[in-house]
């Protein structure tokens, strides 16, 4: 059973825990280890509320799609660090670009210092290294809500997908992975907009 824990106060005296079974068949809400509600998939799909102490209301709703997430809000505000929180989602894009950037830098350095050559792509070692640095820088900017960085990262990843299709020699797995990365990053546009509204 998957679960997420959130502390609602700085003293960590108010702990909200949300658990869910595979396929979101049942979602459990606990406050300071006391179970408050068990929500069915039907209810969480359309959105439901659970009362908390201090005249607060917890809102639960599945945001369906390729990457289904459970949006949790209290009195209309995202719980910091929750799956629906735009800051959290933009950090996930940063982590992806950080990983891809690190891989590209490592591969680039191996090609550069190992003096490996690819006839179709001269200078691939330096290209990969620079690409990796750019990806990490763009990811960091995205985590801070930069729309321009998100646009640049999307263009870069789409171009990378195009090159993979051309040079993959019929291999589908690299193409599928790159397409997955593109879709994951494109999701960021909605979260950047929410991030900017939240931080005005």
N, C-alpha and C. Protein backbone atom coordinates (compact mmCIF):
# COMPACT_ATOMS: atom_id res chain seq x y z
N UNK A 1 0.85 -1.20 0.00
CA UNK A 1 0.00 0.00 0.00
C UNK A 1 0.89 1.24 0.00
N UNK A 2 0.66 2.11 -0.97
CA UNK A 2 1.43 3.35 -1.04
C UNK A 2 0.90 4.35 -0.02
N UNK A 3 1.77 5.27 0.41
CA UNK A 3 1.33 6.26 1.38
C UNK A 3 2.19 7.51 1.30
N UNK A 4 1.62 8.60 1.75
CA UNK A 4 2.34 9.87 1.86
C UNK A 4 2.01 10.48 3.21
N UNK A 5 3.04 11.06 3.85
CA UNK A 5 2.86 11.73 5.13
C UNK A 5 3.18 13.21 4.98
N UNK A 6 2.37 14.03 5.63
CA UNK A 6 2.58 15.48 5.60
C UNK A 6 2.43 16.03 7.01
N UNK A 7 3.33 16.93 7.37
CA UNK A 7 3.19 17.64 8.64
C UNK A 7 2.57 19.00 8.35
N UNK A 8 1.49 19.28 9.04
CA UNK A 8 0.73 20.49 8.75
C UNK A 8 1.16 21.69 9.59
N UNK A 9 2.10 21.48 10.50
CA UNK A 9 2.61 22.59 11.32
C UNK A 9 4.11 22.46 11.47
N UNK A 10 4.76 23.57 11.80
CA UNK A 10 6.22 23.59 11.90
C UNK A 10 6.74 22.74 13.06
N UNK A 11 5.92 22.54 14.08
CA UNK A 11 6.33 21.73 15.24
C UNK A 11 6.14 20.24 15.01
N UNK A 12 5.58 19.88 13.87
CA UNK A 12 5.34 18.48 13.50
C UNK A 12 4.46 17.76 14.52
N UNK A 13 3.46 18.47 14.99
CA UNK A 13 2.50 17.86 15.91
C UNK A 13 1.23 17.40 15.20
N UNK A 14 1.06 17.90 13.98
CA UNK A 14 -0.11 17.53 13.19
C UNK A 14 0.34 16.75 11.96
N UNK A 15 0.15 15.46 11.99
CA UNK A 15 0.59 14.62 10.89
C UNK A 15 -0.62 14.07 10.13
N UNK A 16 -0.65 14.38 8.87
CA UNK A 16 -1.69 13.85 7.98
C UNK A 16 -1.07 12.74 7.15
N UNK A 17 -1.73 11.61 7.10
CA UNK A 17 -1.24 10.48 6.32
C UNK A 17 -2.33 10.03 5.36
N UNK A 18 -1.95 9.85 4.11
CA UNK A 18 -2.87 9.38 3.09
C UNK A 18 -2.30 8.09 2.51
N UNK A 19 -3.10 7.03 2.56
CA UNK A 19 -2.69 5.73 2.02
C UNK A 19 -3.67 5.32 0.94
N UNK A 20 -3.18 4.54 -0.03
CA UNK A 20 -4.09 4.05 -1.05
C UNK A 20 -3.65 2.68 -1.55
N UNK A 21 -4.65 1.87 -1.90
CA UNK A 21 -4.40 0.54 -2.41
C UNK A 21 -4.15 0.62 -3.92
N UNK A 22 -3.60 -0.44 -4.52
CA UNK A 22 -3.36 -0.43 -5.97
C UNK A 22 -4.63 -0.10 -6.76
N UNK A 23 -4.48 0.76 -7.75
CA UNK A 23 -5.62 1.16 -8.56
C UNK A 23 -6.54 2.13 -7.87
N UNK A 24 -6.10 2.64 -6.71
CA UNK A 24 -6.86 3.64 -5.95
C UNK A 24 -8.23 3.11 -5.54
N UNK A 25 -8.33 1.79 -5.35
CA UNK A 25 -9.63 1.22 -4.99
C UNK A 25 -10.13 1.77 -3.65
N UNK A 26 -9.20 1.98 -2.73
CA UNK A 26 -9.56 2.59 -1.45
C UNK A 26 -8.46 3.54 -1.02
N UNK A 27 -8.85 4.69 -0.53
CA UNK A 27 -7.90 5.67 -0.02
C UNK A 27 -8.21 5.93 1.45
N UNK A 28 -7.19 5.82 2.28
CA UNK A 28 -7.36 5.97 3.73
C UNK A 28 -6.76 7.31 4.16
N UNK A 29 -7.48 8.03 5.00
CA UNK A 29 -7.02 9.31 5.53
C UNK A 29 -6.86 9.17 7.04
N UNK A 30 -5.64 9.45 7.53
CA UNK A 30 -5.36 9.38 8.96
C UNK A 30 -4.79 10.71 9.43
N UNK A 31 -5.19 11.11 10.62
CA UNK A 31 -4.67 12.35 11.22
C UNK A 31 -4.12 11.99 12.60
N UNK A 32 -2.80 12.20 12.78
CA UNK A 32 -2.12 11.79 14.01
C UNK A 32 -2.42 10.32 14.34
N UNK A 33 -2.31 9.50 13.29
CA UNK A 33 -2.48 8.04 13.38
C UNK A 33 -3.92 7.60 13.68
N UNK A 34 -4.85 8.52 13.65
CA UNK A 34 -6.25 8.17 13.85
C UNK A 34 -6.96 8.20 12.49
N UNK A 35 -7.58 7.09 12.13
CA UNK A 35 -8.25 7.02 10.83
C UNK A 35 -9.50 7.89 10.81
N UNK A 36 -9.55 8.77 9.80
CA UNK A 36 -10.69 9.68 9.66
C UNK A 36 -11.69 9.22 8.61
N UNK A 37 -11.16 8.60 7.55
CA UNK A 37 -12.07 8.23 6.45
C UNK A 37 -11.44 7.16 5.57
N UNK A 38 -12.31 6.40 4.92
CA UNK A 38 -11.92 5.47 3.87
C UNK A 38 -12.73 5.87 2.64
N UNK A 39 -12.05 6.24 1.58
CA UNK A 39 -12.72 6.80 0.40
C UNK A 39 -12.62 5.82 -0.75
N UNK A 40 -13.73 5.58 -1.43
CA UNK A 40 -13.75 4.67 -2.57
C UNK A 40 -13.13 5.32 -3.79
N UNK A 41 -12.80 4.51 -4.79
CA UNK A 41 -12.24 5.02 -6.03
C UNK A 41 -13.22 5.95 -6.73
N UNK A 42 -14.50 5.61 -6.69
CA UNK A 42 -15.51 6.43 -7.33
C UNK A 42 -15.53 7.84 -6.72
N UNK A 43 -15.48 7.91 -5.39
CA UNK A 43 -15.54 9.21 -4.72
C UNK A 43 -14.28 10.03 -4.93
N UNK A 44 -13.13 9.36 -4.86
CA UNK A 44 -11.89 10.12 -5.02
C UNK A 44 -11.70 10.54 -6.48
N UNK A 45 -12.33 9.83 -7.42
CA UNK A 45 -12.23 10.19 -8.83
C UNK A 45 -12.97 11.49 -9.14
N UNK A 46 -14.13 11.66 -8.50
CA UNK A 46 -14.90 12.88 -8.75
C UNK A 46 -14.54 13.99 -7.76
N UNK A 47 -13.85 13.61 -6.70
CA UNK A 47 -13.45 14.59 -5.69
C UNK A 47 -14.31 14.48 -4.45
N UNK A 48 -13.66 14.46 -3.30
CA UNK A 48 -14.39 14.36 -2.04
C UNK A 48 -13.68 15.17 -0.97
N UNK A 49 -14.33 15.38 0.15
CA UNK A 49 -13.74 16.17 1.23
C UNK A 49 -13.81 15.39 2.54
N UNK A 50 -12.85 15.70 3.42
CA UNK A 50 -12.80 15.10 4.75
C UNK A 50 -12.54 16.23 5.74
N UNK A 51 -13.32 16.28 6.79
CA UNK A 51 -13.16 17.34 7.78
C UNK A 51 -11.96 17.11 8.67
N UNK A 52 -11.21 18.20 8.94
CA UNK A 52 -10.08 18.15 9.86
C UNK A 52 -10.34 19.11 11.02
N UNK A 53 -9.52 19.02 12.05
CA UNK A 53 -9.68 19.93 13.19
C UNK A 53 -9.36 21.35 12.77
N UNK A 54 -9.83 22.31 13.56
CA UNK A 54 -9.55 23.71 13.27
C UNK A 54 -10.32 24.26 12.10
N UNK A 55 -11.52 23.72 11.85
CA UNK A 55 -12.36 24.18 10.73
C UNK A 55 -11.66 24.07 9.38
N UNK A 56 -10.87 23.03 9.25
CA UNK A 56 -10.17 22.81 7.98
C UNK A 56 -10.82 21.65 7.22
N UNK A 57 -10.72 21.74 5.91
CA UNK A 57 -11.30 20.71 5.05
C UNK A 57 -10.22 20.17 4.12
N UNK A 58 -10.06 18.86 4.14
CA UNK A 58 -9.14 18.19 3.23
C UNK A 58 -9.88 17.79 1.97
N UNK A 59 -9.35 18.19 0.84
CA UNK A 59 -9.94 17.85 -0.45
C UNK A 59 -9.07 16.81 -1.14
N UNK A 60 -9.71 15.75 -1.64
CA UNK A 60 -9.00 14.67 -2.33
C UNK A 60 -9.60 14.50 -3.72
N UNK A 61 -8.72 14.42 -4.71
CA UNK A 61 -9.23 14.19 -6.08
C UNK A 61 -8.12 13.60 -6.94
N UNK A 62 -8.48 12.57 -7.70
CA UNK A 62 -7.53 11.98 -8.63
C UNK A 62 -7.41 12.86 -9.87
N UNK A 63 -6.18 13.18 -10.22
CA UNK A 63 -5.91 13.89 -11.47
C UNK A 63 -5.46 12.81 -12.46
N UNK A 64 -6.41 12.38 -13.29
CA UNK A 64 -6.15 11.22 -14.14
C UNK A 64 -5.37 11.61 -15.39
N UNK A 65 -4.68 10.62 -15.94
CA UNK A 65 -3.90 10.81 -17.14
C UNK A 65 -2.83 9.74 -17.20
N UNK A 66 -1.83 9.95 -18.06
CA UNK A 66 -0.74 9.00 -18.16
C UNK A 66 -0.02 8.88 -16.83
N UNK A 67 0.09 10.02 -16.11
CA UNK A 67 0.71 10.04 -14.79
C UNK A 67 -0.37 10.44 -13.78
N UNK A 68 -1.16 9.49 -13.33
CA UNK A 68 -2.25 9.79 -12.39
C UNK A 68 -1.68 10.18 -11.03
N UNK A 69 -2.18 11.28 -10.50
CA UNK A 69 -1.72 11.75 -9.19
C UNK A 69 -2.92 12.04 -8.30
N UNK A 70 -2.68 11.97 -7.01
CA UNK A 70 -3.72 12.29 -6.04
C UNK A 70 -3.50 13.71 -5.55
N UNK A 71 -4.42 14.58 -5.91
CA UNK A 71 -4.33 15.99 -5.50
C UNK A 71 -4.94 16.13 -4.11
N UNK A 72 -4.18 16.69 -3.20
CA UNK A 72 -4.64 16.89 -1.82
C UNK A 72 -4.51 18.36 -1.46
N UNK A 73 -5.63 18.95 -1.07
CA UNK A 73 -5.63 20.36 -0.69
C UNK A 73 -6.30 20.53 0.67
N UNK A 74 -5.90 21.55 1.37
CA UNK A 74 -6.56 21.92 2.62
C UNK A 74 -7.09 23.33 2.46
N UNK A 75 -8.41 23.46 2.58
CA UNK A 75 -9.07 24.75 2.37
C UNK A 75 -8.67 25.39 1.04
N UNK A 76 -8.58 24.54 0.01
CA UNK A 76 -8.31 25.04 -1.34
C UNK A 76 -6.86 25.24 -1.69
N UNK A 77 -5.94 24.99 -0.75
CA UNK A 77 -4.51 25.19 -1.00
C UNK A 77 -3.80 23.84 -1.03
N UNK A 78 -2.92 23.66 -2.02
CA UNK A 78 -2.15 22.43 -2.09
C UNK A 78 -1.34 22.24 -0.81
N UNK A 79 -1.29 21.01 -0.33
CA UNK A 79 -0.40 20.70 0.79
C UNK A 79 1.02 20.73 0.25
N UNK A 80 1.92 21.52 0.85
CA UNK A 80 3.30 21.59 0.35
C UNK A 80 3.94 20.21 0.27
N UNK A 81 4.52 19.91 -0.88
CA UNK A 81 5.18 18.62 -1.07
C UNK A 81 4.26 17.51 -1.52
N UNK A 82 2.96 17.80 -1.65
CA UNK A 82 2.03 16.78 -2.11
C UNK A 82 2.12 16.62 -3.63
N UNK A 83 1.54 15.54 -4.15
CA UNK A 83 1.69 15.23 -5.57
C UNK A 83 1.08 16.29 -6.49
N UNK A 84 0.08 17.00 -6.02
CA UNK A 84 -0.54 18.02 -6.85
C UNK A 84 0.10 19.38 -6.71
N UNK A 85 1.01 19.54 -5.77
CA UNK A 85 1.68 20.80 -5.53
C UNK A 85 2.57 21.13 -6.72
N UNK A 86 2.38 22.28 -7.38
CA UNK A 86 3.20 22.60 -8.55
C UNK A 86 4.69 22.63 -8.26
N UNK A 87 5.08 23.05 -7.07
CA UNK A 87 6.50 23.06 -6.71
C UNK A 87 7.06 21.64 -6.72
N UNK A 88 6.28 20.70 -6.20
CA UNK A 88 6.69 19.30 -6.17
C UNK A 88 6.85 18.76 -7.59
N UNK A 89 5.87 19.03 -8.45
CA UNK A 89 5.91 18.52 -9.81
C UNK A 89 7.06 19.10 -10.61
N UNK A 90 7.35 20.38 -10.42
CA UNK A 90 8.48 20.99 -11.13
C UNK A 90 9.81 20.43 -10.64
N UNK A 91 9.87 20.07 -9.37
CA UNK A 91 11.09 19.43 -8.85
C UNK A 91 11.29 18.06 -9.49
N UNK A 92 10.19 17.34 -9.77
CA UNK A 92 10.33 16.04 -10.41
C UNK A 92 10.93 16.19 -11.81
N UNK A 93 10.55 17.25 -12.51
CA UNK A 93 11.14 17.51 -13.83
C UNK A 93 12.61 17.84 -13.68
N UNK A 94 12.95 18.62 -12.65
CA UNK A 94 14.36 18.92 -12.37
C UNK A 94 15.15 17.65 -12.12
N UNK A 95 14.60 16.73 -11.31
CA UNK A 95 15.30 15.48 -11.00
C UNK A 95 15.52 14.66 -12.27
N UNK A 96 14.51 14.64 -13.16
CA UNK A 96 14.66 13.92 -14.41
C UNK A 96 15.78 14.52 -15.25
N UNK A 97 15.77 15.85 -15.40
CA UNK A 97 16.80 16.50 -16.20
C UNK A 97 18.17 16.41 -15.53
N UNK A 98 18.20 16.40 -14.21
CA UNK A 98 19.46 16.21 -13.49
C UNK A 98 20.04 14.83 -13.81
N UNK A 99 19.18 13.82 -13.78
CA UNK A 99 19.63 12.45 -14.10
C UNK A 99 20.10 12.36 -15.55
N UNK A 100 19.28 12.87 -16.49
CA UNK A 100 19.65 12.80 -17.90
C UNK A 100 20.92 13.60 -18.17
N UNK A 101 21.03 14.76 -17.51
CA UNK A 101 22.23 15.58 -17.68
C UNK A 101 23.47 14.88 -17.18
N UNK A 102 23.37 14.23 -16.02
CA UNK A 102 24.52 13.50 -15.46
C UNK A 102 24.93 12.36 -16.37
N UNK A 103 23.94 11.65 -16.93
CA UNK A 103 24.24 10.55 -17.85
C UNK A 103 24.93 11.08 -19.10
N UNK A 104 24.43 12.18 -19.65
CA UNK A 104 25.03 12.75 -20.85
C UNK A 104 26.45 13.25 -20.60
N UNK A 105 26.67 13.84 -19.44
CA UNK A 105 28.02 14.30 -19.10
C UNK A 105 28.97 13.11 -18.99
N UNK A 106 28.52 12.05 -18.31
CA UNK A 106 29.36 10.87 -18.15
C UNK A 106 29.69 10.24 -19.50
N UNK A 107 28.66 10.08 -20.35
CA UNK A 107 28.88 9.50 -21.68
C UNK A 107 29.80 10.40 -22.50
N UNK A 108 29.55 11.71 -22.42
CA UNK A 108 30.37 12.65 -23.18
C UNK A 108 31.83 12.60 -22.78
N UNK A 109 32.09 12.52 -21.49
CA UNK A 109 33.48 12.46 -21.01
C UNK A 109 34.16 11.16 -21.43
N UNK A 110 33.40 10.07 -21.41
CA UNK A 110 33.96 8.79 -21.85
C UNK A 110 34.35 8.86 -23.32
N UNK A 111 33.48 9.43 -24.15
CA UNK A 111 33.77 9.54 -25.58
C UNK A 111 34.94 10.51 -25.82
N UNK A 112 34.95 11.60 -25.05
CA UNK A 112 35.95 12.64 -25.27
C UNK A 112 37.35 12.16 -24.88
N UNK A 113 37.45 11.67 -23.65
CA UNK A 113 38.77 11.27 -23.17
C UNK A 113 39.17 9.87 -23.66
N UNK A 114 38.19 9.06 -24.01
CA UNK A 114 38.50 7.74 -24.55
C UNK A 114 38.79 7.78 -26.04
N UNK A 115 38.63 8.96 -26.61
CA UNK A 115 38.90 9.15 -28.04
C UNK A 115 38.09 8.21 -28.91
N UNK A 116 36.83 7.94 -28.47
CA UNK A 116 35.93 7.16 -29.30
C UNK A 116 35.33 8.06 -30.38
N UNK A 117 35.01 7.49 -31.51
CA UNK A 117 34.47 8.30 -32.60
C UNK A 117 33.23 7.63 -33.19
N UNK A 118 32.27 8.46 -33.56
CA UNK A 118 31.10 7.99 -34.30
C UNK A 118 31.08 8.79 -35.60
N UNK A 119 31.27 8.09 -36.70
CA UNK A 119 31.42 8.77 -37.99
C UNK A 119 30.25 9.70 -38.30
N UNK A 120 29.03 9.25 -37.95
CA UNK A 120 27.84 10.05 -38.27
C UNK A 120 27.71 11.27 -37.36
N UNK A 121 28.39 11.22 -36.21
CA UNK A 121 28.27 12.32 -35.24
C UNK A 121 29.65 12.71 -34.73
N UNK A 122 30.42 13.44 -35.52
CA UNK A 122 31.74 13.88 -35.04
C UNK A 122 31.59 14.85 -33.87
N UNK A 123 32.48 14.72 -32.89
CA UNK A 123 32.42 15.60 -31.73
C UNK A 123 31.32 15.23 -30.75
N UNK A 124 30.87 13.97 -30.79
CA UNK A 124 29.75 13.56 -29.93
C UNK A 124 30.10 13.69 -28.45
N UNK A 125 31.39 13.48 -28.12
CA UNK A 125 31.77 13.58 -26.71
C UNK A 125 31.52 14.96 -26.15
N UNK A 126 32.00 15.98 -26.86
CA UNK A 126 31.80 17.37 -26.42
C UNK A 126 30.32 17.74 -26.46
N UNK A 127 29.61 17.28 -27.49
CA UNK A 127 28.19 17.58 -27.62
C UNK A 127 27.40 17.04 -26.44
N UNK A 128 27.68 15.79 -26.06
CA UNK A 128 26.97 15.18 -24.94
C UNK A 128 27.26 15.89 -23.63
N UNK A 129 28.51 16.29 -23.44
CA UNK A 129 28.89 16.97 -22.21
C UNK A 129 28.18 18.31 -22.08
N UNK A 130 28.18 19.07 -23.17
CA UNK A 130 27.50 20.37 -23.15
C UNK A 130 26.00 20.19 -22.96
N UNK A 131 25.44 19.20 -23.65
CA UNK A 131 24.01 18.92 -23.52
C UNK A 131 23.66 18.60 -22.07
N UNK A 132 24.48 17.81 -21.42
CA UNK A 132 24.23 17.46 -20.02
C UNK A 132 24.23 18.67 -19.10
N UNK A 133 25.20 19.56 -19.30
CA UNK A 133 25.27 20.77 -18.48
C UNK A 133 24.05 21.65 -18.71
N UNK A 134 23.64 21.77 -19.98
CA UNK A 134 22.47 22.58 -20.32
C UNK A 134 21.21 21.99 -19.69
N UNK A 135 21.07 20.67 -19.76
CA UNK A 135 19.89 20.02 -19.19
C UNK A 135 19.79 20.28 -17.68
N UNK A 136 20.89 20.17 -16.98
CA UNK A 136 20.88 20.40 -15.53
C UNK A 136 20.53 21.85 -15.22
N UNK A 137 21.10 22.79 -15.98
CA UNK A 137 20.81 24.21 -15.76
C UNK A 137 19.34 24.51 -16.04
N UNK A 138 18.81 23.96 -17.11
CA UNK A 138 17.40 24.18 -17.44
C UNK A 138 16.49 23.56 -16.37
N UNK A 139 16.85 22.37 -15.90
CA UNK A 139 16.05 21.73 -14.86
C UNK A 139 15.98 22.55 -13.60
N UNK A 140 17.12 23.12 -13.21
CA UNK A 140 17.14 23.97 -12.01
C UNK A 140 16.25 25.19 -12.20
N UNK A 141 16.33 25.82 -13.38
CA UNK A 141 15.50 26.99 -13.66
C UNK A 141 14.02 26.62 -13.66
N UNK A 142 13.69 25.45 -14.19
CA UNK A 142 12.30 24.99 -14.20
C UNK A 142 11.79 24.83 -12.78
N UNK A 143 12.62 24.29 -11.89
CA UNK A 143 12.21 24.09 -10.50
C UNK A 143 11.89 25.42 -9.82
N UNK A 144 12.38 26.51 -10.39
CA UNK A 144 12.10 27.85 -9.85
C UNK A 144 10.96 28.54 -10.61
N UNK A 145 10.30 27.79 -11.50
CA UNK A 145 9.13 28.32 -12.18
C UNK A 145 9.40 29.05 -13.48
N UNK A 146 10.53 28.80 -14.12
CA UNK A 146 10.87 29.49 -15.37
C UNK A 146 10.16 28.86 -16.57
N UNK A 147 9.27 29.63 -17.19
CA UNK A 147 8.58 29.16 -18.38
C UNK A 147 9.53 29.07 -19.57
N UNK A 148 10.45 30.04 -19.69
CA UNK A 148 11.41 30.02 -20.79
C UNK A 148 12.29 28.77 -20.74
N UNK A 149 12.71 28.40 -19.53
CA UNK A 149 13.54 27.21 -19.37
C UNK A 149 12.75 25.96 -19.75
N UNK A 150 11.46 25.94 -19.40
CA UNK A 150 10.62 24.79 -19.74
C UNK A 150 10.45 24.67 -21.25
N UNK A 151 10.24 25.81 -21.91
CA UNK A 151 10.13 25.80 -23.38
C UNK A 151 11.42 25.29 -24.00
N UNK A 152 12.56 25.79 -23.50
CA UNK A 152 13.85 25.38 -24.04
C UNK A 152 14.09 23.89 -23.82
N UNK A 153 13.76 23.40 -22.62
CA UNK A 153 13.95 21.98 -22.31
C UNK A 153 13.06 21.11 -23.20
N UNK A 154 11.83 21.57 -23.45
CA UNK A 154 10.92 20.82 -24.31
C UNK A 154 11.46 20.73 -25.73
N UNK A 155 11.91 21.86 -26.27
CA UNK A 155 12.48 21.88 -27.62
C UNK A 155 13.68 20.95 -27.69
N UNK A 156 14.52 21.02 -26.67
CA UNK A 156 15.73 20.19 -26.62
C UNK A 156 15.38 18.71 -26.60
N UNK A 157 14.39 18.34 -25.78
CA UNK A 157 14.02 16.94 -25.66
C UNK A 157 13.32 16.43 -26.93
N UNK A 158 12.53 17.28 -27.56
CA UNK A 158 11.87 16.89 -28.82
C UNK A 158 12.93 16.68 -29.91
N UNK A 159 13.94 17.57 -29.94
CA UNK A 159 15.02 17.42 -30.91
C UNK A 159 15.80 16.13 -30.64
N UNK A 160 16.02 15.83 -29.36
CA UNK A 160 16.72 14.61 -28.99
C UNK A 160 15.91 13.38 -29.40
N UNK A 161 14.60 13.46 -29.23
CA UNK A 161 13.72 12.37 -29.66
C UNK A 161 13.83 12.17 -31.16
N UNK A 162 13.84 13.29 -31.90
CA UNK A 162 13.95 13.21 -33.36
C UNK A 162 15.26 12.54 -33.79
N UNK A 163 16.36 12.91 -33.13
CA UNK A 163 17.65 12.32 -33.46
C UNK A 163 17.66 10.83 -33.13
N UNK A 164 17.01 10.48 -32.02
CA UNK A 164 16.95 9.07 -31.63
C UNK A 164 16.19 8.25 -32.67
N UNK A 165 15.09 8.82 -33.16
CA UNK A 165 14.31 8.13 -34.19
C UNK A 165 15.17 7.91 -35.43
N UNK A 166 15.98 8.91 -35.80
CA UNK A 166 16.80 8.81 -37.01
C UNK A 166 17.93 7.80 -36.85
N UNK A 167 18.58 7.81 -35.66
CA UNK A 167 19.77 6.99 -35.47
C UNK A 167 19.53 5.71 -34.69
N UNK A 168 18.30 5.42 -34.30
CA UNK A 168 18.04 4.24 -33.48
C UNK A 168 18.07 2.95 -34.28
N UNK A 169 18.12 3.06 -35.58
CA UNK A 169 18.22 1.89 -36.47
C UNK A 169 17.11 0.87 -36.21
N UNK A 170 15.90 1.39 -36.01
CA UNK A 170 14.76 0.51 -35.82
C UNK A 170 14.50 0.05 -34.40
N UNK A 171 15.41 0.36 -33.47
CA UNK A 171 15.22 -0.02 -32.07
C UNK A 171 14.14 0.85 -31.45
N UNK A 172 13.11 0.24 -30.89
CA UNK A 172 11.97 0.99 -30.39
C UNK A 172 12.14 1.46 -28.94
N UNK A 173 12.87 0.71 -28.12
CA UNK A 173 12.96 1.05 -26.71
C UNK A 173 13.53 2.45 -26.47
N UNK A 174 14.65 2.84 -27.12
CA UNK A 174 15.15 4.21 -26.92
C UNK A 174 14.13 5.27 -27.33
N UNK A 175 13.40 5.01 -28.40
CA UNK A 175 12.40 5.97 -28.88
C UNK A 175 11.27 6.10 -27.86
N UNK A 176 10.81 4.97 -27.34
CA UNK A 176 9.73 4.99 -26.34
C UNK A 176 10.18 5.74 -25.09
N UNK A 177 11.41 5.49 -24.64
CA UNK A 177 11.93 6.17 -23.45
C UNK A 177 12.00 7.67 -23.67
N UNK A 178 12.51 8.10 -24.81
CA UNK A 178 12.62 9.53 -25.09
C UNK A 178 11.24 10.17 -25.21
N UNK A 179 10.30 9.45 -25.80
CA UNK A 179 8.92 9.97 -25.90
C UNK A 179 8.32 10.13 -24.51
N UNK A 180 8.60 9.17 -23.64
CA UNK A 180 8.14 9.23 -22.25
C UNK A 180 8.70 10.48 -21.57
N UNK A 181 9.99 10.76 -21.78
CA UNK A 181 10.61 11.94 -21.19
C UNK A 181 9.95 13.23 -21.68
N UNK A 182 9.65 13.27 -22.98
CA UNK A 182 9.01 14.46 -23.56
C UNK A 182 7.64 14.70 -22.92
N UNK A 183 6.85 13.65 -22.83
CA UNK A 183 5.51 13.78 -22.23
C UNK A 183 5.62 14.23 -20.78
N UNK A 184 6.57 13.66 -20.05
CA UNK A 184 6.75 14.00 -18.64
C UNK A 184 7.09 15.49 -18.48
N UNK A 185 7.94 16.00 -19.36
CA UNK A 185 8.34 17.40 -19.27
C UNK A 185 7.23 18.33 -19.74
N UNK A 186 6.52 17.95 -20.79
CA UNK A 186 5.43 18.81 -21.31
C UNK A 186 4.37 19.04 -20.24
N UNK A 187 4.16 18.06 -19.37
CA UNK A 187 3.20 18.24 -18.26
C UNK A 187 3.52 19.46 -17.42
N UNK A 188 4.78 19.87 -17.46
CA UNK A 188 5.21 20.98 -16.62
C UNK A 188 4.57 22.31 -16.95
N UNK A 189 4.04 22.48 -18.17
CA UNK A 189 3.47 23.77 -18.54
C UNK A 189 2.31 24.16 -17.63
N UNK A 190 1.44 23.21 -17.31
CA UNK A 190 0.32 23.53 -16.43
C UNK A 190 0.80 23.86 -15.02
N UNK A 191 1.88 23.16 -14.60
CA UNK A 191 2.36 23.38 -13.24
C UNK A 191 3.13 24.69 -13.11
N UNK A 192 3.81 25.10 -14.18
CA UNK A 192 4.48 26.41 -14.15
C UNK A 192 3.46 27.52 -14.00
N UNK A 193 2.34 27.38 -14.72
CA UNK A 193 1.28 28.40 -14.62
C UNK A 193 0.74 28.46 -13.20
N UNK A 194 0.48 27.29 -12.59
CA UNK A 194 -0.01 27.26 -11.22
C UNK A 194 1.03 27.82 -10.26
N UNK A 195 2.30 27.49 -10.51
CA UNK A 195 3.39 27.97 -9.66
C UNK A 195 3.45 29.49 -9.67
N UNK A 196 3.32 30.07 -10.86
CA UNK A 196 3.40 31.54 -10.98
C UNK A 196 2.21 32.21 -10.27
N UNK A 197 1.03 31.62 -10.43
CA UNK A 197 -0.15 32.18 -9.76
C UNK A 197 0.02 32.11 -8.24
N UNK A 198 0.53 31.00 -7.77
CA UNK A 198 0.73 30.77 -6.34
C UNK A 198 1.76 31.72 -5.76
N UNK A 199 2.76 32.08 -6.56
CA UNK A 199 3.88 32.87 -6.05
C UNK A 199 3.85 34.33 -6.50
N UNK A 200 2.69 34.79 -6.94
CA UNK A 200 2.57 36.21 -7.32
C UNK A 200 2.70 37.09 -6.06
